[in-house]
Amino acid sequence: MICFGPIPSRRLGNSLGINNIPDRKICTYSCVYCQVGAKQKISYAREPFYEPWVIRCDVEKFLEKLDENSKPDFLTFVANGEPTLDIKLGKAIKMLKTFNIPIAVLTNASLLSEKRVQDDLMYADWVSVKVDTAEQDVWKAINRPHQQLNYNHILQGILDFSKKYEGTLATETMLVDGINDKGNSIVKTANFILQVNPSKAYISVPTRPPALSWVQASNEVAINEAYQIFNDKGINAELIMGFEGTNVGFTGNAKDDILNISAVHPIREDTMKDLLERNNADFEVVKELIEEQKIKEITYKTKKFYLRKHQL
């Protein structure tokens, strides 16, 4: 199957997934947190998979089955492995442009040092690049890359692409407990992302069973610290905690508002007070959510924050 979905996504709205890699997983990385699983083919050489017209026909047939209300907001290349391994990716994206639906690509950025890969991604409307770390030893530990890949070249490729790309660029950082979530490591990651200057920097944690059983998501304290470090540097950061609620803002329901907002942004104590007042609610609502283990109170630089607890 090439197409799947559409799937609701906080990043992309209603997203129709496109898997341009064959059934077996082929990737440049073997990330410890990968939800596809540990068994895979590790490769860094681009090769042809599906012919672009085959992808286009599959998308066309899929779209014909959907009613007007189910029309996707994005056609999203999100593969079993790394989508840029497809040497005909650029041609496929150009063919899909005829549907007049924005096209997104989620890439681990491992091949962005190659000009042809950059050229292919220029056709996309929205690109997300993985930046789990800015340190080579941490990169090897968490992403377990193909031995021929050079991280300095990858980082430079991301920077070069960010300067030329005219679409919407996002970064995504997956936090794993004890590997890339410590203060000094996060500061280095944030400093690099600041240079990339994405429209949004997503911070996420593993929310599905990982490739390796010992892998654990970072705790809420580390997640909040990462968010605050990004925010302090002027980076437009957002959390992805495994919740795809769309009602981010004042709705009149205090519990729903707190849960929706705290899954995207930690709520500072003064902001929480204002939110409760607008909902004609008191702090007992917050206490109940803490007791139900739906949110957690965290102190950062003498300020209290409230963050939605992630769940596996």
Foldseek 3Di string as FASTA:
>chain_A
DQWDFQDAALVFGREIEGAQAPPFAEAQWQFQFDQLARDHHHDDAADAGDDLVVSQVVVVVVQVPDDPVNDGQEYEYDHSYFPLSHLCLLVNLVSNCVVVHAYEYEGCQQNLLDVSSLVSCLSHQEYEYEQQFLDDVLCCVGGVGDPVTDSVSSLVSLLVSLVPRPHAYEYEHEAWPPRQQDDVGLLRSLVSVVSSQGPEYEYEYRQHHGNDNVIDTDWPQSVQSSVVSNVVVVHRYWYAQPDSDDPADQDLDLLVNQLNPLRTHWQWPVNNCVNCVVSVHDCVSVVVCVVVQQWDWDDDPNIITIHGGHHD
